[in-house]
Protein backbone atom coordinates (compact mmCIF):
# COMPACT_ATOMS: atom_id res chain seq x y z
CA MET A 1 -77.54 -32.62 76.62
CA PRO A 2 -77.89 -32.73 72.57
CA TRP A 3 -74.89 -34.68 71.18
CA ASN A 4 -74.06 -31.99 68.77
CA ASP A 5 -74.02 -29.38 71.49
CA SER A 6 -70.31 -30.41 71.34
CA GLY A 7 -69.93 -28.20 67.89
CA ILE A 8 -69.61 -31.81 66.14
CA ARG A 9 -72.38 -31.72 63.31
CA ARG A 10 -71.35 -35.29 61.83
CA LEU A 11 -68.69 -38.00 61.94
CA ILE A 12 -66.73 -39.44 58.70
CA LEU A 13 -66.16 -43.18 58.71
CA ALA A 14 -62.58 -43.92 57.53
CA SER A 15 -63.79 -47.30 56.16
CA GLY A 16 -65.48 -48.95 53.15
CA SER A 17 -66.40 -52.07 55.39
CA PRO A 18 -70.38 -52.31 55.12
CA ARG A 19 -70.07 -53.94 58.61
CA ARG A 20 -68.66 -50.90 60.17
CA ARG A 21 -71.05 -48.63 58.58
CA GLN A 22 -73.98 -50.72 59.70
CA LEU A 23 -72.70 -50.42 63.23
CA LEU A 24 -72.18 -46.83 63.29
CA SER A 25 -75.45 -46.04 61.95
CA LEU A 26 -76.64 -47.66 65.19
CA LEU A 27 -75.22 -44.63 67.42
CA GLY A 28 -77.99 -42.20 65.50
CA ILE A 29 -75.22 -39.73 64.98
CA PRO A 30 -74.89 -38.24 60.96
CA PHE A 31 -71.92 -39.81 59.02
CA VAL A 32 -70.26 -40.02 55.61
CA VAL A 33 -67.95 -42.91 54.23
CA LYS A 34 -64.21 -42.11 53.01
CA ALA A 35 -62.51 -45.29 52.57
CA ALA A 36 -58.93 -45.13 53.95
CA GLY A 37 -56.27 -46.46 51.93
CA VAL A 38 -53.10 -47.18 54.06
CA ASP A 39 -50.16 -49.79 54.39
CA GLU A 40 -51.72 -52.72 56.88
CA SER A 41 -48.39 -54.36 57.34
CA ARG A 42 -46.87 -55.60 60.56
CA LEU A 43 -43.79 -53.89 61.34
CA HIS A 44 -41.09 -56.31 62.64
CA GLY A 45 -41.55 -57.46 66.17
CA GLU A 46 -44.66 -55.41 66.45
CA PRO A 47 -47.15 -56.63 68.94
CA PRO A 48 -50.63 -57.21 67.75
CA THR A 49 -52.29 -54.75 70.19
CA GLU A 50 -49.73 -51.97 68.71
CA LEU A 51 -50.59 -53.07 65.17
CA VAL A 52 -53.99 -52.55 65.16
CA LEU A 53 -53.81 -49.08 67.34
CA ARG A 54 -51.20 -47.92 64.81
CA VAL A 55 -53.13 -48.91 61.73
CA SER A 56 -56.52 -47.26 63.22
CA ARG A 57 -54.50 -44.20 63.82
CA ALA A 58 -53.02 -44.23 60.29
CA LYS A 59 -56.43 -44.74 58.61
CA ALA A 60 -58.12 -41.53 60.53
CA LEU A 61 -55.06 -39.44 59.75
CA SER A 62 -55.43 -40.38 55.98
CA ILE A 63 -58.71 -38.59 55.70
CA ARG A 64 -57.20 -34.90 55.17
CA ASP A 65 -60.23 -32.77 54.31
CA ALA A 66 -62.12 -33.19 57.43
CA ARG A 67 -64.21 -30.06 58.15
CA PRO A 68 -64.04 -28.51 61.90
CA ASP A 69 -67.27 -29.60 62.81
CA GLU A 70 -66.72 -33.22 61.82
CA LEU A 71 -64.90 -36.00 63.49
CA VAL A 72 -63.03 -38.76 61.77
CA VAL A 73 -63.72 -42.49 63.07
CA ALA A 74 -61.38 -45.30 62.22
CA ALA A 75 -60.96 -48.92 63.25
CA ASP A 76 -58.87 -51.90 62.45
CA THR A 77 -59.46 -55.49 63.43
CA ILE A 78 -56.93 -58.76 63.45
CA VAL A 79 -57.28 -62.19 64.59
CA VAL A 80 -54.51 -63.68 66.20
CA LEU A 81 -53.81 -67.45 66.86
CA ASP A 82 -50.80 -68.80 68.38
CA GLY A 83 -49.18 -65.39 68.04
CA GLU A 84 -49.84 -65.31 64.49
CA ILE A 85 -51.80 -62.73 62.64
CA LEU A 86 -54.72 -64.05 60.45
CA GLY A 87 -55.74 -61.41 57.83
CA LYS A 88 -58.03 -61.57 55.22
CA PRO A 89 -57.38 -64.37 53.15
CA SER A 90 -56.03 -64.28 49.78
CA GLY A 91 -58.21 -66.87 47.97
CA PRO A 92 -60.53 -69.65 48.64
CA ASP A 93 -57.35 -72.09 49.57
CA GLU A 94 -56.10 -69.79 52.16
CA ALA A 95 -59.71 -69.39 53.46
CA ARG A 96 -60.25 -72.90 54.25
CA GLN A 97 -56.97 -73.50 55.60
CA MET A 98 -57.65 -70.57 58.03
CA LEU A 99 -60.95 -72.00 58.96
CA GLU A 100 -59.38 -75.54 59.41
CA ARG A 101 -56.85 -74.18 61.85
CA LEU A 102 -59.43 -72.11 63.90
CA ARG A 103 -61.50 -75.28 64.30
CA GLY A 104 -62.82 -76.18 67.76
CA ARG A 105 -60.00 -73.86 69.19
CA SER A 106 -59.47 -70.49 71.00
CA HIS A 107 -58.02 -67.25 69.32
CA THR A 108 -57.98 -63.68 70.39
CA VAL A 109 -59.54 -60.69 68.23
CA TYR A 110 -58.11 -57.23 68.77
CA SER A 111 -59.72 -54.01 67.20
CA GLY A 112 -57.96 -50.66 67.37
CA VAL A 113 -60.61 -47.50 67.50
CA THR A 114 -59.45 -44.20 66.83
CA VAL A 115 -61.46 -40.70 66.93
CA TRP A 116 -59.23 -37.72 65.19
CA HIS A 117 -60.51 -34.11 65.04
CA LEU A 118 -58.25 -32.57 62.19
CA ALA A 119 -58.97 -28.96 63.20
CA THR A 120 -57.58 -29.20 66.58
CA ARG A 121 -55.23 -32.21 65.99
CA ARG A 122 -56.76 -34.16 68.91
CA MET A 123 -56.93 -37.92 69.08
CA ALA A 124 -58.26 -40.36 71.10
CA SER A 125 -57.93 -44.30 70.72
CA ARG A 126 -59.20 -47.60 72.29
CA LEU A 127 -58.27 -51.13 72.39
CA GLY A 128 -60.96 -53.88 72.17
CA GLU A 129 -60.01 -57.27 73.00
CA SER A 130 -62.06 -60.53 72.64
CA ALA A 131 -61.20 -64.29 73.23
CA VAL A 132 -62.98 -66.38 70.97
CA TRP A 133 -63.76 -70.13 71.08
CA MET A 134 -64.87 -71.80 67.65
CA ARG A 135 -66.98 -74.69 67.34
CA ASP A 136 -66.01 -78.10 65.80
CA TYR A 137 -67.71 -77.25 62.38
CA GLY A 138 -67.27 -79.97 59.60
CA ASP A 139 -65.39 -79.95 56.49
CA ASP A 140 -68.46 -79.71 54.58
CA GLU A 141 -69.56 -76.75 56.64
CA ILE A 142 -66.16 -74.97 55.54
CA ALA A 143 -66.49 -75.76 51.90
CA ALA A 144 -70.06 -74.39 51.55
CA TYR A 145 -68.95 -71.56 53.70
CA VAL A 146 -66.06 -70.73 51.40
CA GLU A 147 -68.24 -71.25 48.12
CA SER A 148 -70.25 -68.41 49.66
CA ARG A 149 -67.45 -65.96 49.37
CA ASP A 150 -68.31 -64.47 52.52
CA PRO A 151 -64.72 -65.43 54.19
CA MET A 152 -63.02 -63.38 51.51
CA ASP A 153 -63.11 -59.72 53.23
CA LYS A 154 -62.73 -60.94 56.76
CA ALA A 155 -59.94 -61.22 59.00
CA GLY A 156 -59.83 -64.80 60.03
CA ALA A 157 -62.00 -65.62 57.11
CA TYR A 158 -64.98 -65.67 59.31
CA ALA A 159 -68.01 -63.44 60.25
CA ILE A 160 -69.27 -64.21 63.89
CA GLN A 161 -72.64 -62.97 62.85
CA HIS A 162 -73.01 -65.29 59.88
CA ALA A 163 -76.03 -67.01 60.61
CA GLY A 164 -75.83 -69.91 57.85
CA PHE A 165 -72.08 -70.91 59.37
CA ASP A 166 -72.42 -69.83 62.84
CA PRO A 167 -68.54 -70.30 63.65
CA VAL A 168 -68.23 -69.62 67.12
CA SER A 169 -69.08 -71.46 70.01
CA HIS A 170 -68.60 -68.67 72.72
CA LEU A 171 -66.59 -65.77 73.76
CA ASP A 172 -65.36 -63.61 76.27
CA GLY A 173 -65.11 -59.92 75.81
CA CYS A 174 -66.95 -57.44 73.28
CA TRP A 175 -69.22 -59.37 70.81
CA LEU A 176 -69.00 -56.02 68.18
CA ASN A 177 -65.26 -55.98 68.56
CA VAL A 178 -65.21 -59.34 66.44
CA VAL A 179 -67.55 -57.93 64.16
CA GLY A 180 -65.30 -54.89 63.78
CA LEU A 181 -66.12 -51.79 65.36
CA PRO A 182 -66.54 -51.94 69.39
CA LEU A 183 -69.22 -49.33 69.88
CA CYS A 184 -68.73 -48.66 73.75
CA HIS A 185 -64.72 -48.54 73.04
CA LEU A 186 -65.97 -45.97 70.30
CA GLY A 187 -68.55 -44.16 72.66
CA GLN A 188 -65.50 -43.57 75.44
CA ALA A 189 -63.52 -42.20 72.47
CA LEU A 190 -66.23 -39.86 71.50
CA ALA A 191 -66.78 -38.94 74.81
CA GLU A 192 -63.26 -37.15 75.18
CA PHE A 193 -64.71 -34.70 72.59
CA GLY A 194 -68.07 -34.16 74.47
CA VAL A 195 -70.03 -35.99 71.99
CA ALA A 196 -72.50 -38.54 73.46
CA PRO A 197 -74.47 -40.69 71.16
CA PRO A 198 -78.34 -40.23 70.75
CA ALA A 199 -78.42 -43.96 71.26
CA ASN A 200 -78.09 -45.70 74.36
CA VAL A 201 -74.72 -47.87 73.70
CA PRO A 202 -74.90 -50.85 75.82
CA GLY A 203 -78.82 -51.21 75.18
CA THR A 204 -78.40 -50.76 71.44
CA CYS A 205 -75.46 -53.14 71.42
CA ARG A 206 -77.23 -55.61 73.42
CA ALA A 207 -80.50 -55.59 71.09
CA PHE A 208 -78.23 -56.09 68.13
CA SER A 209 -76.04 -58.59 69.10
CA GLN A 210 -78.32 -60.56 71.56
CA TYR A 211 -75.01 -60.91 73.78
CA ASP A 212 -75.15 -59.98 77.46
CA CYS A 213 -71.56 -58.11 77.21
CA PRO A 214 -69.37 -58.28 80.18
CA VAL A 215 -67.58 -55.45 78.85
CA VAL A 216 -69.91 -52.89 79.71
CA PRO A 217 -69.80 -53.08 83.74
CA GLU A 218 -66.09 -52.78 83.64
CA MET A 219 -66.36 -49.58 81.82
CA LEU A 220 -68.76 -48.20 83.74
CA ARG A 221 -66.61 -48.87 86.89
CA GLN A 222 -63.77 -46.95 85.24
CA GLY A 223 -66.20 -43.99 85.14
CA SER A 224 -67.02 -43.88 81.51
CA SER A 225 -69.97 -42.40 80.05
CA LEU A 226 -71.97 -44.57 77.69
CA ASN A 227 -75.41 -43.00 77.97
CA THR A 228 -76.87 -45.96 79.85
C-alpha cells in the first residue's frame, strides 16, 4: 500500500538539526522543516527517560499550523553519564571537559521520538536507548576535535558519525539513536497513523550506518511493521 493512502501527504520536522533532516530524508517521505523552540530544562527529580519524551512531545506540540494531511515529527536526544545529563557544551572549555570525562568509559544515550497529528489530537511516542563505549582517545585528539567546532551543537560534545574523531569504540543498541533520530522507532510511531515509509527502514539504516543493528529483530518480535 502506498504510504500516502493514509491521507498524510507530508511530514513536518520540528527541528533545525541538519543531522535529523538528513536522517528523515532517508525514509522517502516529503517533509518541511519548522524548528521548534521549547524549554529543554530538566524538571526537579525527572528521570532522563521522562525528560526526552516530555521534550520531544513539547517540540511536536509547538507546531501549531500543521494541516490535516501533515504529521509533525519531533525528537530529543540526551547523553547520560553516571546519572548526570551532558547537554550541549556552552563553549570549547566545557566541550573539552565533557570529552575528557567520557573518554574510555561507557554512557547511555536516550532519544524521545514523537509523531503528532494536530487535526485529530493524536500522538505516538517512542523511546530509543543505546549503551555507548568511548575509545581512549588522546588529549591532542580532543584539542583538534574541539578546534573543529563540531562538538558545539551536540549533546555530550561528540558526534558518533564524525570520521575524523571517531570517538566511539562500540555500542549496544541503535546507532541512529546516538546520531539523534532512531528511524526504526520513528517507523513504529508512523505506523500508528497508517504511514509506512517507501524505504525499507532497517535496510536503509544499515546502509547508512554500516552497523548491524540489534534493535530490529526485537521490534519485529514485538510485531512491529518496519517495511522489511
